Amino acid sequence: MGRASEIKGNAETNPKGETDPREGSDNALRLRMRRERQPVPGLPKLTDNVELRTFQHSDAPGLRALLETGTFGTWPAERLEALFVHEIDRLDERGIHLAIFGGIPIGHCCLMIRGEPEGTVGKLGWVVVHPDWRGKQIGRAVCVAALHDADRRGLGTVVLNTEDFRLPAVRLYLDLGFAPVLGDGAEQDAWWGSLGVR
């Protein structure tokens, strides 16, 4: 717990949209995080007439374009549609949480439902904020909206996967009550080292 609190720091995203040289490479370390049932934080105050809502079919082209501003590759219509029929991580339109400005998606987080050996859990995924909107609490807002959704659905546990180069995202997740799920000592040392904590 001490190490996690050392790196929380400022949980805002990188306002310049700068990337780590490991982004998209095989050198990135994957991290699984888990949040057990606890009170969900309140939504941050958003400016500039940003609206939070769930997905509508008319959002599909803008959502695909937004996802392509992240490090998730290209998003043809078939890839987005495949999320709705995935056998492991089930997703419905109510689970796609968007921040909208001027009718265009500028932030996204989805809540998928996953069956695990210990029972059904929520899984946050595909968290992305348009580069022009980073550092303005958009990522926090869509993640909090998804956590409220998980709470309404009775999902006591929520998991997510991320990589070590996504430091602003890791800080946000820690601030929202997620904790790393770490394996052996070497994996733990590698993670804490990548985050600048020894």
N, C-alpha and C. Protein backbone atom coordinates (compact mmCIF):
# COMPACT_ATOMS: atom_id res chain seq x y z
N MET A 1 0.83 -1.20 0.00
CA MET A 1 0.00 0.00 0.00
C MET A 1 0.86 1.25 0.00
N GLY A 2 1.99 1.22 0.71
CA GLY A 2 2.85 2.39 0.77
C GLY A 2 3.37 2.80 -0.60
N ARG A 3 3.78 1.82 -1.39
CA ARG A 3 4.32 2.14 -2.71
C ARG A 3 3.24 2.78 -3.59
N ALA A 4 2.02 2.24 -3.54
CA ALA A 4 0.94 2.79 -4.36
C ALA A 4 0.69 4.25 -3.99
N SER A 5 0.70 4.56 -2.71
CA SER A 5 0.44 5.95 -2.32
C SER A 5 1.59 6.85 -2.73
N GLU A 6 2.81 6.31 -2.86
CA GLU A 6 3.94 7.13 -3.29
C GLU A 6 3.80 7.59 -4.72
N ILE A 7 3.17 6.79 -5.59
CA ILE A 7 3.11 7.18 -6.98
C ILE A 7 1.79 7.83 -7.38
N LYS A 8 0.82 7.88 -6.47
CA LYS A 8 -0.45 8.49 -6.83
C LYS A 8 -0.23 9.91 -7.34
N GLY A 9 0.43 10.71 -6.56
CA GLY A 9 0.73 12.07 -6.99
C GLY A 9 -0.45 12.75 -7.63
N ASN A 10 -0.20 13.40 -8.75
CA ASN A 10 -1.23 14.09 -9.50
C ASN A 10 -1.82 13.11 -10.50
N ALA A 11 -3.10 12.82 -10.38
CA ALA A 11 -3.73 11.79 -11.21
C ALA A 11 -4.26 12.33 -12.53
N GLU A 12 -3.89 13.52 -12.93
CA GLU A 12 -4.41 14.01 -14.20
C GLU A 12 -3.62 13.40 -15.36
N THR A 13 -4.23 13.40 -16.53
CA THR A 13 -3.59 12.81 -17.68
C THR A 13 -2.58 13.78 -18.28
N ASN A 14 -1.75 13.27 -19.17
CA ASN A 14 -0.71 14.05 -19.82
C ASN A 14 -1.36 15.07 -20.76
N PRO A 15 -1.33 16.36 -20.43
CA PRO A 15 -2.03 17.34 -21.25
C PRO A 15 -1.42 17.52 -22.63
N LYS A 16 -0.17 17.15 -22.81
CA LYS A 16 0.47 17.33 -24.12
C LYS A 16 0.29 16.12 -25.02
N GLY A 17 -0.27 15.05 -24.48
CA GLY A 17 -0.45 13.85 -25.28
C GLY A 17 0.86 13.18 -25.63
N GLU A 18 1.93 13.43 -24.85
CA GLU A 18 3.22 12.84 -25.15
C GLU A 18 3.17 11.35 -24.92
N THR A 19 3.98 10.61 -25.66
CA THR A 19 4.00 9.17 -25.52
C THR A 19 5.35 8.70 -25.03
N ASP A 20 5.35 7.55 -24.43
CA ASP A 20 6.56 6.90 -23.97
C ASP A 20 7.14 6.12 -25.14
N PRO A 21 8.46 6.05 -25.28
CA PRO A 21 9.04 5.32 -26.40
C PRO A 21 8.66 3.83 -26.41
N ARG A 22 8.27 3.27 -25.25
CA ARG A 22 7.87 1.87 -25.20
C ARG A 22 6.44 1.65 -25.68
N GLU A 23 5.68 2.73 -25.86
CA GLU A 23 4.29 2.60 -26.26
C GLU A 23 4.17 1.80 -27.54
N GLY A 24 3.37 0.76 -27.50
CA GLY A 24 3.17 -0.08 -28.67
C GLY A 24 4.29 -1.09 -28.90
N SER A 25 5.28 -1.12 -28.02
CA SER A 25 6.39 -2.05 -28.20
C SER A 25 6.21 -3.28 -27.31
N ASP A 26 7.03 -4.26 -27.55
CA ASP A 26 6.99 -5.47 -26.73
C ASP A 26 7.64 -5.26 -25.37
N ASN A 27 8.27 -4.09 -25.15
CA ASN A 27 8.93 -3.81 -23.88
C ASN A 27 7.99 -3.28 -22.81
N ALA A 28 6.75 -2.99 -23.19
CA ALA A 28 5.79 -2.48 -22.20
C ALA A 28 5.42 -3.60 -21.24
N LEU A 29 5.35 -3.26 -19.95
CA LEU A 29 4.94 -4.22 -18.93
C LEU A 29 3.44 -4.10 -18.72
N ARG A 30 2.75 -5.22 -18.72
CA ARG A 30 1.31 -5.22 -18.50
C ARG A 30 1.02 -5.27 -17.02
N LEU A 31 -0.02 -4.58 -16.61
CA LEU A 31 -0.44 -4.58 -15.22
C LEU A 31 -1.93 -4.83 -15.15
N ARG A 32 -2.29 -5.74 -14.30
CA ARG A 32 -3.70 -5.99 -14.02
C ARG A 32 -4.00 -5.29 -12.70
N MET A 33 -5.12 -4.61 -12.65
CA MET A 33 -5.53 -3.90 -11.45
C MET A 33 -6.93 -4.36 -11.06
N ARG A 34 -7.22 -4.24 -9.77
CA ARG A 34 -8.48 -4.74 -9.23
C ARG A 34 -9.01 -3.76 -8.19
N ARG A 35 -10.32 -3.57 -8.20
CA ARG A 35 -10.99 -2.70 -7.24
C ARG A 35 -12.13 -3.48 -6.61
N GLU A 36 -12.06 -3.66 -5.30
CA GLU A 36 -13.14 -4.34 -4.60
C GLU A 36 -14.20 -3.31 -4.22
N ARG A 37 -15.38 -3.81 -3.86
CA ARG A 37 -16.51 -2.91 -3.55
C ARG A 37 -16.09 -1.87 -2.51
N GLN A 38 -16.36 -0.63 -2.83
CA GLN A 38 -16.10 0.51 -1.97
C GLN A 38 -16.92 1.67 -2.52
N PRO A 39 -17.09 2.73 -1.75
CA PRO A 39 -17.86 3.86 -2.27
C PRO A 39 -17.23 4.40 -3.57
N VAL A 40 -18.09 4.75 -4.51
CA VAL A 40 -17.63 5.29 -5.79
C VAL A 40 -17.48 6.79 -5.64
N PRO A 41 -16.36 7.34 -6.10
CA PRO A 41 -16.17 8.80 -6.01
C PRO A 41 -17.24 9.54 -6.81
N GLY A 42 -17.42 10.81 -6.47
CA GLY A 42 -18.33 11.64 -7.23
C GLY A 42 -17.73 12.04 -8.56
N LEU A 43 -18.59 12.44 -9.47
CA LEU A 43 -18.12 12.90 -10.78
C LEU A 43 -17.40 14.24 -10.65
N PRO A 44 -16.31 14.42 -11.38
CA PRO A 44 -15.63 15.73 -11.34
C PRO A 44 -16.47 16.77 -12.08
N LYS A 45 -16.25 18.01 -11.74
CA LYS A 45 -16.93 19.10 -12.45
C LYS A 45 -16.26 19.28 -13.81
N LEU A 46 -17.05 19.20 -14.85
CA LEU A 46 -16.53 19.36 -16.21
C LEU A 46 -16.91 20.72 -16.76
N THR A 47 -16.06 21.24 -17.59
CA THR A 47 -16.30 22.56 -18.19
C THR A 47 -16.61 22.41 -19.68
N ASP A 48 -16.77 23.52 -20.31
CA ASP A 48 -16.91 23.58 -21.77
C ASP A 48 -18.09 22.78 -22.31
N ASN A 49 -19.19 22.74 -21.56
CA ASN A 49 -20.40 22.06 -22.04
C ASN A 49 -20.18 20.61 -22.42
N VAL A 50 -19.37 19.91 -21.64
CA VAL A 50 -19.14 18.48 -21.87
C VAL A 50 -20.29 17.70 -21.24
N GLU A 51 -20.85 16.78 -22.00
CA GLU A 51 -21.97 15.95 -21.55
C GLU A 51 -21.47 14.52 -21.34
N LEU A 52 -21.89 13.92 -20.25
CA LEU A 52 -21.61 12.50 -20.00
C LEU A 52 -22.87 11.71 -20.30
N ARG A 53 -22.72 10.65 -21.10
CA ARG A 53 -23.86 9.80 -21.41
C ARG A 53 -23.37 8.47 -21.95
N THR A 54 -24.30 7.57 -22.18
CA THR A 54 -23.95 6.28 -22.76
C THR A 54 -24.10 6.33 -24.28
N PHE A 55 -23.59 5.31 -24.90
CA PHE A 55 -23.51 5.18 -26.36
C PHE A 55 -24.87 5.24 -27.04
N GLN A 56 -24.90 5.90 -28.18
CA GLN A 56 -26.03 5.86 -29.11
C GLN A 56 -25.47 5.44 -30.46
N HIS A 57 -26.24 4.79 -31.28
CA HIS A 57 -25.73 4.29 -32.56
C HIS A 57 -25.09 5.39 -33.40
N SER A 58 -25.61 6.59 -33.31
CA SER A 58 -25.03 7.69 -34.09
C SER A 58 -23.63 8.07 -33.63
N ASP A 59 -23.20 7.58 -32.45
CA ASP A 59 -21.86 7.87 -31.94
C ASP A 59 -20.77 7.00 -32.57
N ALA A 60 -21.16 5.93 -33.27
CA ALA A 60 -20.18 4.93 -33.73
C ALA A 60 -19.02 5.53 -34.53
N PRO A 61 -19.25 6.37 -35.56
CA PRO A 61 -18.10 6.89 -36.30
C PRO A 61 -17.17 7.75 -35.42
N GLY A 62 -17.75 8.59 -34.57
CA GLY A 62 -16.93 9.42 -33.69
C GLY A 62 -16.20 8.61 -32.65
N LEU A 63 -16.83 7.54 -32.15
CA LEU A 63 -16.17 6.68 -31.17
C LEU A 63 -15.00 5.95 -31.81
N ARG A 64 -15.18 5.45 -33.02
CA ARG A 64 -14.07 4.78 -33.71
C ARG A 64 -12.91 5.75 -33.91
N ALA A 65 -13.21 6.98 -34.32
CA ALA A 65 -12.14 7.98 -34.51
C ALA A 65 -11.44 8.28 -33.19
N LEU A 66 -12.21 8.39 -32.10
CA LEU A 66 -11.62 8.65 -30.78
C LEU A 66 -10.70 7.50 -30.38
N LEU A 67 -11.16 6.26 -30.52
CA LEU A 67 -10.34 5.11 -30.15
C LEU A 67 -9.03 5.08 -30.93
N GLU A 68 -9.04 5.57 -32.14
CA GLU A 68 -7.81 5.60 -32.95
C GLU A 68 -6.83 6.66 -32.48
N THR A 69 -7.26 7.61 -31.63
CA THR A 69 -6.32 8.59 -31.07
C THR A 69 -5.52 7.99 -29.93
N GLY A 70 -5.95 6.82 -29.42
CA GLY A 70 -5.22 6.11 -28.37
C GLY A 70 -4.19 5.19 -29.01
N THR A 71 -3.78 4.20 -28.29
CA THR A 71 -2.78 3.25 -28.80
C THR A 71 -3.43 1.90 -29.05
N PHE A 72 -4.66 1.93 -29.54
CA PHE A 72 -5.43 0.71 -29.71
C PHE A 72 -5.53 0.25 -31.16
N GLY A 73 -4.76 0.83 -32.07
CA GLY A 73 -4.80 0.43 -33.47
C GLY A 73 -5.97 1.06 -34.20
N THR A 74 -6.29 0.49 -35.36
CA THR A 74 -7.38 1.02 -36.17
C THR A 74 -8.71 0.39 -35.73
N TRP A 75 -9.79 1.13 -35.97
CA TRP A 75 -11.11 0.71 -35.53
C TRP A 75 -12.13 0.74 -36.67
N PRO A 76 -12.07 -0.23 -37.57
CA PRO A 76 -13.15 -0.30 -38.56
C PRO A 76 -14.46 -0.68 -37.86
N ALA A 77 -15.56 -0.47 -38.53
CA ALA A 77 -16.88 -0.73 -37.93
C ALA A 77 -16.98 -2.16 -37.39
N GLU A 78 -16.38 -3.12 -38.08
CA GLU A 78 -16.47 -4.52 -37.66
C GLU A 78 -15.82 -4.73 -36.30
N ARG A 79 -14.74 -4.02 -36.02
CA ARG A 79 -14.06 -4.21 -34.73
C ARG A 79 -14.94 -3.71 -33.59
N LEU A 80 -15.59 -2.57 -33.77
CA LEU A 80 -16.48 -2.05 -32.74
C LEU A 80 -17.66 -3.00 -32.55
N GLU A 81 -18.24 -3.47 -33.63
CA GLU A 81 -19.38 -4.40 -33.53
C GLU A 81 -18.98 -5.70 -32.84
N ALA A 82 -17.74 -6.15 -33.02
CA ALA A 82 -17.28 -7.39 -32.41
C ALA A 82 -17.27 -7.32 -30.88
N LEU A 83 -17.13 -6.11 -30.33
CA LEU A 83 -17.16 -5.98 -28.87
C LEU A 83 -18.50 -6.41 -28.28
N PHE A 84 -19.55 -6.27 -29.05
CA PHE A 84 -20.89 -6.59 -28.54
C PHE A 84 -21.17 -8.10 -28.55
N VAL A 85 -20.34 -8.88 -29.23
CA VAL A 85 -20.58 -10.33 -29.31
C VAL A 85 -19.41 -11.13 -28.75
N HIS A 86 -18.48 -10.45 -28.05
CA HIS A 86 -17.32 -11.12 -27.47
C HIS A 86 -17.77 -12.15 -26.45
N GLU A 87 -17.18 -13.32 -26.47
CA GLU A 87 -17.64 -14.41 -25.60
C GLU A 87 -17.17 -14.27 -24.16
N ILE A 88 -16.04 -13.61 -23.91
CA ILE A 88 -15.50 -13.52 -22.55
C ILE A 88 -15.91 -12.21 -21.88
N ASP A 89 -15.66 -11.10 -22.54
CA ASP A 89 -16.00 -9.78 -21.99
C ASP A 89 -17.26 -9.28 -22.66
N ARG A 90 -18.41 -9.47 -21.99
CA ARG A 90 -19.69 -9.06 -22.56
C ARG A 90 -19.88 -7.55 -22.40
N LEU A 91 -20.35 -6.93 -23.44
CA LEU A 91 -20.56 -5.49 -23.45
C LEU A 91 -21.91 -5.20 -24.07
N ASP A 92 -22.65 -4.29 -23.45
CA ASP A 92 -23.86 -3.79 -24.09
C ASP A 92 -23.73 -2.28 -24.21
N GLU A 93 -24.61 -1.68 -24.96
CA GLU A 93 -24.49 -0.24 -25.23
C GLU A 93 -24.56 0.60 -23.96
N ARG A 94 -25.28 0.12 -22.93
CA ARG A 94 -25.35 0.87 -21.67
C ARG A 94 -24.00 0.93 -20.98
N GLY A 95 -23.09 0.02 -21.33
CA GLY A 95 -21.78 -0.02 -20.70
C GLY A 95 -20.74 0.86 -21.36
N ILE A 96 -21.09 1.51 -22.46
CA ILE A 96 -20.14 2.40 -23.15
C ILE A 96 -20.40 3.82 -22.65
N HIS A 97 -19.46 4.34 -21.89
CA HIS A 97 -19.60 5.66 -21.27
C HIS A 97 -18.77 6.68 -22.04
N LEU A 98 -19.44 7.75 -22.45
CA LEU A 98 -18.81 8.75 -23.30
C LEU A 98 -18.87 10.13 -22.68
N ALA A 99 -17.84 10.91 -22.96
CA ALA A 99 -17.87 12.36 -22.74
C ALA A 99 -18.04 12.95 -24.13
N ILE A 100 -19.03 13.80 -24.28
CA ILE A 100 -19.39 14.35 -25.59
C ILE A 100 -19.24 15.87 -25.55
N PHE A 101 -18.65 16.42 -26.59
CA PHE A 101 -18.58 17.87 -26.75
C PHE A 101 -18.99 18.19 -28.19
N GLY A 102 -19.99 19.03 -28.35
CA GLY A 102 -20.45 19.39 -29.69
C GLY A 102 -20.90 18.19 -30.51
N GLY A 103 -21.46 17.18 -29.84
CA GLY A 103 -21.94 16.00 -30.53
C GLY A 103 -20.86 14.98 -30.86
N ILE A 104 -19.60 15.26 -30.49
CA ILE A 104 -18.47 14.38 -30.82
C ILE A 104 -17.92 13.73 -29.55
N PRO A 105 -17.68 12.41 -29.56
CA PRO A 105 -17.05 11.77 -28.40
C PRO A 105 -15.62 12.27 -28.20
N ILE A 106 -15.32 12.71 -26.96
CA ILE A 106 -13.96 13.17 -26.63
C ILE A 106 -13.33 12.33 -25.52
N GLY A 107 -14.13 11.45 -24.91
CA GLY A 107 -13.63 10.56 -23.88
C GLY A 107 -14.47 9.30 -23.85
N HIS A 108 -13.85 8.18 -23.48
CA HIS A 108 -14.55 6.90 -23.50
C HIS A 108 -14.00 5.96 -22.45
N CYS A 109 -14.89 5.20 -21.84
CA CYS A 109 -14.54 4.08 -20.98
C CYS A 109 -15.70 3.11 -21.07
N CYS A 110 -15.39 1.83 -21.27
CA CYS A 110 -16.50 0.87 -21.31
C CYS A 110 -16.43 -0.07 -20.11
N LEU A 111 -17.59 -0.50 -19.70
CA LEU A 111 -17.73 -1.49 -18.63
C LEU A 111 -18.22 -2.78 -19.27
N MET A 112 -17.36 -3.79 -19.23
CA MET A 112 -17.71 -5.10 -19.74
C MET A 112 -18.01 -6.01 -18.55
N ILE A 113 -18.75 -7.06 -18.80
CA ILE A 113 -19.08 -8.04 -17.77
C ILE A 113 -18.28 -9.29 -18.08
N ARG A 114 -17.54 -9.76 -17.09
CA ARG A 114 -16.64 -10.90 -17.30
C ARG A 114 -16.90 -11.97 -16.26
N GLY A 115 -17.00 -13.20 -16.72
CA GLY A 115 -17.11 -14.33 -15.80
C GLY A 115 -15.72 -14.80 -15.41
N GLU A 116 -15.43 -14.85 -14.13
CA GLU A 116 -14.14 -15.33 -13.63
C GLU A 116 -14.41 -16.45 -12.64
N PRO A 117 -13.38 -17.24 -12.31
CA PRO A 117 -13.61 -18.37 -11.38
C PRO A 117 -14.31 -17.96 -10.08
N GLU A 118 -14.02 -16.75 -9.58
CA GLU A 118 -14.64 -16.33 -8.32
C GLU A 118 -16.00 -15.68 -8.51
N GLY A 119 -16.47 -15.59 -9.75
CA GLY A 119 -17.79 -15.02 -10.00
C GLY A 119 -17.74 -13.94 -11.08
N THR A 120 -18.86 -13.28 -11.27
CA THR A 120 -18.96 -12.24 -12.28
C THR A 120 -18.35 -10.94 -11.77
N VAL A 121 -17.50 -10.33 -12.59
CA VAL A 121 -16.87 -9.06 -12.25
C VAL A 121 -17.06 -8.08 -13.40
N GLY A 122 -16.87 -6.80 -13.11
CA GLY A 122 -16.85 -5.80 -14.15
C GLY A 122 -15.43 -5.63 -14.64
N LYS A 123 -15.28 -5.21 -15.87
CA LYS A 123 -13.95 -4.94 -16.42
C LYS A 123 -14.00 -3.62 -17.18
N LEU A 124 -13.18 -2.66 -16.74
CA LEU A 124 -13.06 -1.40 -17.48
C LEU A 124 -12.11 -1.62 -18.65
N GLY A 125 -12.42 -0.98 -19.76
CA GLY A 125 -11.56 -1.13 -20.92
C GLY A 125 -11.64 0.03 -21.87
N TRP A 126 -10.65 0.06 -22.76
CA TRP A 126 -10.58 1.02 -23.85
C TRP A 126 -10.74 2.46 -23.36
N VAL A 127 -10.08 2.81 -22.26
CA VAL A 127 -10.16 4.17 -21.73
C VAL A 127 -9.29 5.07 -22.61
N VAL A 128 -9.90 6.10 -23.14
CA VAL A 128 -9.17 7.01 -24.02
C VAL A 128 -9.80 8.39 -23.93
N VAL A 129 -8.93 9.41 -24.01
CA VAL A 129 -9.36 10.81 -24.06
C VAL A 129 -8.68 11.44 -25.26
N HIS A 130 -9.44 12.20 -26.03
CA HIS A 130 -8.87 12.88 -27.19
C HIS A 130 -7.70 13.75 -26.73
N PRO A 131 -6.59 13.77 -27.49
CA PRO A 131 -5.41 14.54 -27.06
C PRO A 131 -5.69 16.01 -26.73
N ASP A 132 -6.63 16.63 -27.41
CA ASP A 132 -6.95 18.04 -27.13
C ASP A 132 -7.66 18.23 -25.80
N TRP A 133 -8.15 17.15 -25.20
CA TRP A 133 -8.94 17.23 -23.97
C TRP A 133 -8.25 16.61 -22.77
N ARG A 134 -7.03 16.15 -22.93
CA ARG A 134 -6.31 15.53 -21.81
C ARG A 134 -5.97 16.58 -20.76
N GLY A 135 -5.97 16.14 -19.50
CA GLY A 135 -5.67 17.05 -18.39
C GLY A 135 -6.88 17.86 -17.93
N LYS A 136 -8.07 17.53 -18.42
CA LYS A 136 -9.29 18.28 -18.08
C LYS A 136 -10.32 17.42 -17.37
N GLN A 137 -9.88 16.34 -16.71
CA GLN A 137 -10.74 15.47 -15.91
C GLN A 137 -11.71 14.61 -16.73
N ILE A 138 -11.52 14.53 -18.05
CA ILE A 138 -12.42 13.74 -18.89
C ILE A 138 -12.24 12.25 -18.59
N GLY A 139 -10.99 11.79 -18.51
CA GLY A 139 -10.73 10.38 -18.22
C GLY A 139 -11.31 9.97 -16.88
N ARG A 140 -11.13 10.83 -15.88
CA ARG A 140 -11.70 10.55 -14.55
C ARG A 140 -13.22 10.47 -14.65
N ALA A 141 -13.83 11.37 -15.39
CA ALA A 141 -15.29 11.41 -15.48
C ALA A 141 -15.86 10.14 -16.11
N VAL A 142 -15.28 9.68 -17.23
CA VAL A 142 -15.84 8.49 -17.87
C VAL A 142 -15.56 7.24 -17.04
N CYS A 143 -14.42 7.19 -16.34
CA CYS A 143 -14.13 6.05 -15.46
C CYS A 143 -15.09 6.03 -14.26
N VAL A 144 -15.34 7.18 -13.67
CA VAL A 144 -16.26 7.25 -12.53
C VAL A 144 -17.67 6.87 -12.99
N ALA A 145 -18.07 7.33 -14.17
CA ALA A 145 -19.40 6.95 -14.70
C ALA A 145 -19.49 5.44 -14.85
N ALA A 146 -18.44 4.81 -15.34
CA ALA A 146 -18.44 3.35 -15.50
C ALA A 146 -18.46 2.65 -14.14
N LEU A 147 -17.77 3.20 -13.14
CA LEU A 147 -17.79 2.60 -11.80
C LEU A 147 -19.18 2.72 -11.17
N HIS A 148 -19.86 3.85 -11.38
CA HIS A 148 -21.23 3.99 -10.90
C HIS A 148 -22.13 2.94 -11.58
N ASP A 149 -21.91 2.72 -12.86
CA ASP A 149 -22.66 1.71 -13.61
C ASP A 149 -22.42 0.32 -13.00
N ALA A 150 -21.16 0.00 -12.70
CA ALA A 150 -20.84 -1.29 -12.08
C ALA A 150 -21.56 -1.44 -10.74
N ASP A 151 -21.59 -0.37 -9.97
CA ASP A 151 -22.26 -0.38 -8.67
C ASP A 151 -23.76 -0.64 -8.85
N ARG A 152 -24.39 0.05 -9.82
CA ARG A 152 -25.81 -0.15 -10.09
C ARG A 152 -26.11 -1.59 -10.52
N ARG A 153 -25.17 -2.20 -11.20
CA ARG A 153 -25.36 -3.58 -11.68
C ARG A 153 -25.01 -4.62 -10.61
N GLY A 154 -24.57 -4.16 -9.44
CA GLY A 154 -24.25 -5.07 -8.35
C GLY A 154 -22.92 -5.78 -8.50
N LEU A 155 -22.01 -5.21 -9.28
CA LEU A 155 -20.69 -5.81 -9.49
C LEU A 155 -19.75 -5.30 -8.41
N GLY A 156 -19.44 -6.14 -7.45
CA GLY A 156 -18.59 -5.73 -6.33
C GLY A 156 -17.13 -5.60 -6.68
N THR A 157 -16.69 -6.32 -7.70
CA THR A 157 -15.29 -6.28 -8.12
C THR A 157 -15.21 -5.77 -9.55
N VAL A 158 -14.26 -4.87 -9.80
CA VAL A 158 -14.00 -4.36 -11.14
C VAL A 158 -12.50 -4.51 -11.39
N VAL A 159 -12.14 -5.03 -12.56
CA VAL A 159 -10.74 -5.22 -12.93
C VAL A 159 -10.43 -4.39 -14.17
N LEU A 160 -9.16 -4.23 -14.45
CA LEU A 160 -8.73 -3.59 -15.69
C LEU A 160 -7.30 -4.03 -15.98
N ASN A 161 -6.89 -3.85 -17.22
CA ASN A 161 -5.51 -4.10 -17.64
C ASN A 161 -4.95 -2.82 -18.22
N THR A 162 -3.68 -2.57 -17.96
CA THR A 162 -3.02 -1.41 -18.52
C THR A 162 -1.54 -1.74 -18.72
N GLU A 163 -0.75 -0.78 -19.14
CA GLU A 163 0.69 -0.97 -19.30
C GLU A 163 1.43 0.07 -18.50
N ASP A 164 2.70 -0.22 -18.23
CA ASP A 164 3.50 0.64 -17.36
C ASP A 164 3.76 2.02 -17.93
N PHE A 165 3.75 2.19 -19.26
CA PHE A 165 4.04 3.50 -19.83
C PHE A 165 2.86 4.46 -19.68
N ARG A 166 1.72 3.97 -19.27
CA ARG A 166 0.52 4.81 -19.11
C ARG A 166 0.47 5.38 -17.68
N LEU A 167 1.52 6.09 -17.29
CA LEU A 167 1.61 6.58 -15.91
C LEU A 167 0.44 7.44 -15.48
N PRO A 168 -0.02 8.41 -16.29
CA PRO A 168 -1.18 9.18 -15.84
C PRO A 168 -2.41 8.31 -15.60
N ALA A 169 -2.60 7.30 -16.45
CA ALA A 169 -3.74 6.40 -16.27
C ALA A 169 -3.57 5.57 -15.00
N VAL A 170 -2.36 5.04 -14.77
CA VAL A 170 -2.11 4.25 -13.56
C VAL A 170 -2.39 5.09 -12.32
N ARG A 171 -1.95 6.33 -12.33
CA ARG A 171 -2.20 7.22 -11.17
C ARG A 171 -3.69 7.43 -10.97
N LEU A 172 -4.41 7.62 -12.07
CA LEU A 172 -5.86 7.79 -11.98
C LEU A 172 -6.50 6.53 -11.39
N TYR A 173 -6.14 5.37 -11.88
CA TYR A 173 -6.74 4.13 -11.39
C TYR A 173 -6.44 3.93 -9.90
N LEU A 174 -5.22 4.22 -9.48
CA LEU A 174 -4.90 4.12 -8.05
C LEU A 174 -5.77 5.08 -7.24
N ASP A 175 -5.94 6.29 -7.76
CA ASP A 175 -6.75 7.30 -7.07
C ASP A 175 -8.22 6.88 -6.97
N LEU A 176 -8.68 6.06 -7.93
CA LEU A 176 -10.06 5.59 -7.94
C LEU A 176 -10.25 4.32 -7.12
N GLY A 177 -9.19 3.86 -6.46
CA GLY A 177 -9.30 2.71 -5.57
C GLY A 177 -8.84 1.39 -6.15
N PHE A 178 -8.29 1.39 -7.35
CA PHE A 178 -7.74 0.16 -7.92
C PHE A 178 -6.39 -0.12 -7.28
N ALA A 179 -6.05 -1.39 -7.20
CA ALA A 179 -4.75 -1.80 -6.67
C ALA A 179 -4.11 -2.76 -7.66
N PRO A 180 -2.80 -2.72 -7.79
CA PRO A 180 -2.13 -3.67 -8.69
C PRO A 180 -2.32 -5.11 -8.20
N VAL A 181 -2.48 -6.02 -9.15
CA VAL A 181 -2.48 -7.45 -8.85
C VAL A 181 -1.11 -7.93 -9.33
N LEU A 182 -0.22 -8.15 -8.39
CA LEU A 182 1.16 -8.46 -8.73
C LEU A 182 1.49 -9.92 -8.50
N GLY A 183 2.35 -10.44 -9.35
CA GLY A 183 2.78 -11.83 -9.24
C GLY A 183 4.01 -11.95 -8.37
N ASP A 184 5.03 -12.57 -8.91
CA ASP A 184 6.24 -12.84 -8.14
C ASP A 184 7.06 -11.58 -7.86
N GLY A 185 8.12 -11.73 -7.08
CA GLY A 185 8.96 -10.60 -6.69
C GLY A 185 9.58 -9.88 -7.86
N ALA A 186 10.01 -10.62 -8.90
CA ALA A 186 10.62 -9.99 -10.07
C ALA A 186 9.61 -9.10 -10.79
N GLU A 187 8.37 -9.60 -10.91
CA GLU A 187 7.33 -8.79 -11.56
C GLU A 187 7.04 -7.54 -10.74
N GLN A 188 6.96 -7.69 -9.43
CA GLN A 188 6.71 -6.54 -8.56
C GLN A 188 7.84 -5.52 -8.69
N ASP A 189 9.07 -5.97 -8.63
CA ASP A 189 10.22 -5.06 -8.74
C ASP A 189 10.21 -4.33 -10.08
N ALA A 190 9.90 -5.06 -11.15
CA ALA A 190 9.86 -4.43 -12.47
C ALA A 190 8.79 -3.35 -12.52
N TRP A 191 7.62 -3.66 -11.94
CA TRP A 191 6.54 -2.66 -11.95
C TRP A 191 6.90 -1.43 -11.15
N TRP A 192 7.29 -1.62 -9.92
CA TRP A 192 7.60 -0.46 -9.09
C TRP A 192 8.76 0.32 -9.68
N GLY A 193 9.73 -0.38 -10.27
CA GLY A 193 10.85 0.32 -10.92
C GLY A 193 10.40 1.15 -12.09
N SER A 194 9.50 0.62 -12.91
CA SER A 194 9.01 1.37 -14.07
C SER A 194 8.24 2.62 -13.63
N LEU A 195 7.64 2.54 -12.45
CA LEU A 195 6.86 3.68 -11.96
C LEU A 195 7.74 4.65 -11.16
N GLY A 196 9.04 4.36 -11.06
CA GLY A 196 9.94 5.27 -10.36
C GLY A 196 9.91 5.14 -8.86
N VAL A 197 9.44 4.00 -8.36
CA VAL A 197 9.38 3.78 -6.91
C VAL A 197 10.25 2.58 -6.60
N ARG A 198 11.20 2.73 -5.72
CA ARG A 198 12.11 1.61 -5.34
C ARG A 198 11.97 1.34 -3.87
